C-alpha atoms as a PDB file:
ATOM      1  CA  MET A   1     -19.138  49.433  28.394  1.00  0.00           C
ATOM      2  CA  ARG A   2     -18.805  47.096  30.971  1.00  0.00           C
ATOM      3  CA  GLU A   3     -21.948  45.184  29.232  1.00  0.00           C
ATOM      4  CA  GLN A   4     -20.591  44.789  26.005  1.00  0.00           C
ATOM      5  CA  LEU A   5     -17.328  43.287  27.382  1.00  0.00           C
ATOM      6  CA  ALA A   6     -18.956  40.556  29.248  1.00  0.00           C
ATOM      7  CA  GLU A   7     -21.182  39.954  26.066  1.00  0.00           C
ATOM      8  CA  LYS A   8     -17.914  39.753  23.905  1.00  0.00           C
ATOM      9  CA  GLN A   9     -16.557  37.260  27.199  1.00  0.00           C
ATOM     10  CA  GLN A  10     -19.590  35.455  26.520  1.00  0.00           C
ATOM     11  CA  VAL A  11     -19.495  34.960  22.758  1.00  0.00           C
ATOM     12  CA  LEU A  12     -15.629  33.802  23.209  1.00  0.00           C
ATOM     13  CA  LYS A  13     -16.211  31.400  25.431  1.00  0.00           C
ATOM     14  CA  THR A  14     -19.006  30.316  23.173  1.00  0.00           C
ATOM     15  CA  ILE A  15     -16.926  30.476  20.141  1.00  0.00           C
ATOM     16  CA  ARG A  16     -13.462  29.065  21.988  1.00  0.00           C
ATOM     17  CA  PRO A  17     -13.141  25.677  23.299  1.00  0.00           C
ATOM     18  CA  THR A  18     -12.117  24.660  26.730  1.00  0.00           C
ATOM     19  CA  THR A  19      -8.451  23.821  27.232  1.00  0.00           C
ATOM     20  CA  ALA A  20      -9.765  20.424  28.065  1.00  0.00           C
ATOM     21  CA  LYS A  21     -11.076  20.257  24.736  1.00  0.00           C
ATOM     22  CA  MET A  22      -8.840  21.477  23.267  1.00  0.00           C
ATOM     23  CA  ARG A  23      -5.917  18.967  24.751  1.00  0.00           C
ATOM     24  CA  LYS A  24      -8.516  15.913  24.275  1.00  0.00           C
ATOM     25  CA  ASP A  25      -8.688  17.244  20.547  1.00  0.00           C
ATOM     26  CA  GLN A  26      -4.853  17.052  20.367  1.00  0.00           C
ATOM     27  CA  HIS A  27      -4.784  13.428  22.080  1.00  0.00           C
ATOM     28  CA  GLU A  28      -7.054  12.263  19.407  1.00  0.00           C
ATOM     29  CA  ILE A  29      -5.196  13.810  16.697  1.00  0.00           C
ATOM     30  CA  LYS A  30      -1.662  12.259  17.981  1.00  0.00           C
ATOM     31  CA  LEU A  31      -3.294   9.033  18.063  1.00  0.00           C
ATOM     32  CA  LEU A  32      -4.884   9.359  14.758  1.00  0.00           C
ATOM     33  CA  GLU A  33      -1.571  10.167  13.054  1.00  0.00           C
ATOM     34  CA  ASN A  34      -0.036   7.460  14.428  1.00  0.00           C
ATOM     35  CA  LYS A  35      -2.330   5.202  13.331  1.00  0.00           C
ATOM     36  CA  LEU A  36      -2.164   6.598  10.331  1.00  0.00           C
ATOM     37  CA  GLU A  37       2.039   6.230  10.435  1.00  0.00           C
ATOM     38  CA  THR A  38       1.644   2.654  11.217  1.00  0.00           C
ATOM     39  CA  ALA A  39      -1.002   1.978   8.531  1.00  0.00           C
ATOM     40  CA  LEU A  40       1.695   4.231   5.729  1.00  0.00           C
ATOM     41  CA  THR A  41       4.625   1.515   6.780  1.00  0.00           C
ATOM     42  CA  LYS A  42       2.741  -1.649   6.574  1.00  0.00           C
ATOM     43  CA  TYR A  43       1.633  -0.233   3.181  1.00  0.00           C
ATOM     44  CA  ASN A  44       4.985   0.539   2.071  1.00  0.00           C
ATOM     45  CA  ASP A  45       5.952  -2.922   3.222  1.00  0.00           C
ATOM     46  CA  LEU A  46       3.157  -4.987   1.287  1.00  0.00           C
ATOM     47  CA  GLN A  47       4.468  -2.648  -1.831  1.00  0.00           C
ATOM     48  CA  ALA A  48       7.791  -3.797  -1.839  1.00  0.00           C
ATOM     49  CA  GLN A  49       6.893  -7.573  -1.238  1.00  0.00           C
ATOM     50  CA  ASN A  50       4.448  -7.092  -4.030  1.00  0.00           C
ATOM     51  CA  LYS A  51       7.455  -5.751  -6.370  1.00  0.00           C
ATOM     52  CA  VAL A  52       9.626  -8.615  -5.269  1.00  0.00           C
ATOM     53  CA  LEU A  53       6.967 -10.932  -5.685  1.00  0.00           C
ATOM     54  CA  ARG A  54       6.225  -9.805  -9.292  1.00  0.00           C
ATOM     55  CA  GLY A  55       9.889  -9.931 -10.234  1.00  0.00           C
ATOM     56  CA  GLU A  56       9.761 -13.343  -9.219  1.00  0.00           C
ATOM     57  CA  ILE A  57       6.797 -14.322 -11.612  1.00  0.00           C
ATOM     58  CA  ASP A  58       8.356 -12.506 -14.266  1.00  0.00           C
ATOM     59  CA  VAL A  59      11.174 -14.887 -14.298  1.00  0.00           C
ATOM     60  CA  TRP A  60       9.175 -17.858 -13.539  1.00  0.00           C
ATOM     61  CA  ARG A  61       7.214 -16.970 -17.161  1.00  0.00           C
ATOM     62  CA  LYS A  62      10.380 -16.651 -18.849  1.00  0.00           C
ATOM     63  CA  GLN A  63      11.646 -19.442 -17.668  1.00  0.00           C
ATOM     64  CA  LEU A  64       8.635 -21.216 -18.908  1.00  0.00           C
ATOM     65  CA  ARG A  65       8.964 -19.616 -22.466  1.00  0.00           C
ATOM     66  CA  ASN A  66      12.280 -20.981 -22.178  1.00  0.00           C
ATOM     67  CA  GLN A  67      10.984 -24.931 -22.205  1.00  0.00           C
ATOM     68  CA  THR A  68       8.035 -24.670 -24.134  1.00  0.00           C
ATOM     69  CA  ARG A  69      10.359 -23.283 -26.447  1.00  0.00           C
ATOM     70  CA  VAL A  70      13.308 -26.218 -25.766  1.00  0.00           C
ATOM     71  CA  ASN A  71      10.218 -28.653 -25.459  1.00  0.00           C
ATOM     72  CA  LYS A  72       8.912 -27.727 -29.121  1.00  0.00           C
ATOM     73  CA  GLY A  73      12.422 -28.528 -30.993  1.00  0.00           C
ATOM     74  CA  TYR A  74      12.424 -32.117 -29.055  1.00  0.00           C
ATOM     75  CA  VAL A  75       9.006 -32.882 -29.968  1.00  0.00           C
ATOM     76  CA  ARG A  76      10.163 -31.252 -33.669  1.00  0.00           C
ATOM     77  CA  GLU A  77      13.527 -33.749 -33.529  1.00  0.00           C
ATOM     78  CA  ILE A  78      10.865 -36.362 -32.180  1.00  0.00           C
ATOM     79  CA  HIS A  79       9.010 -35.787 -34.827  1.00  0.00           C
ATOM     80  CA  ASN A  80      11.996 -35.887 -37.592  1.00  0.00           C
ATOM     81  CA  THR A  81      13.498 -38.818 -36.177  1.00  0.00           C
ATOM     82  CA  VAL A  82      10.424 -40.808 -36.083  1.00  0.00           C
ATOM     83  CA  GLU A  83      10.012 -39.364 -39.738  1.00  0.00           C
ATOM     84  CA  LYS A  84      13.440 -41.152 -40.793  1.00  0.00           C
ATOM     85  CA  ILE A  85      13.217 -44.419 -39.276  1.00  0.00           C
ATOM     86  CA  LYS A  86       9.644 -44.671 -41.085  1.00  0.00           C
END
């Protein structure tokens, strides 16, 4: 019985990591979780900035369309005025 117990304890020692290794692994996990959290925060900030910038670009495109439409109207008016003068 004692031999079997000793064998099983030996097997458990090889299977189960030591406390120091477990602590080291837990520490590494904590560091990686913190790194992930920092990266996610940065990613979310960039996503928010991109959303704001996309909104500004949309506003500028709308202004450009309006200005183009106004300019076409002015060109038409100038052309009509020149034709009347001729």
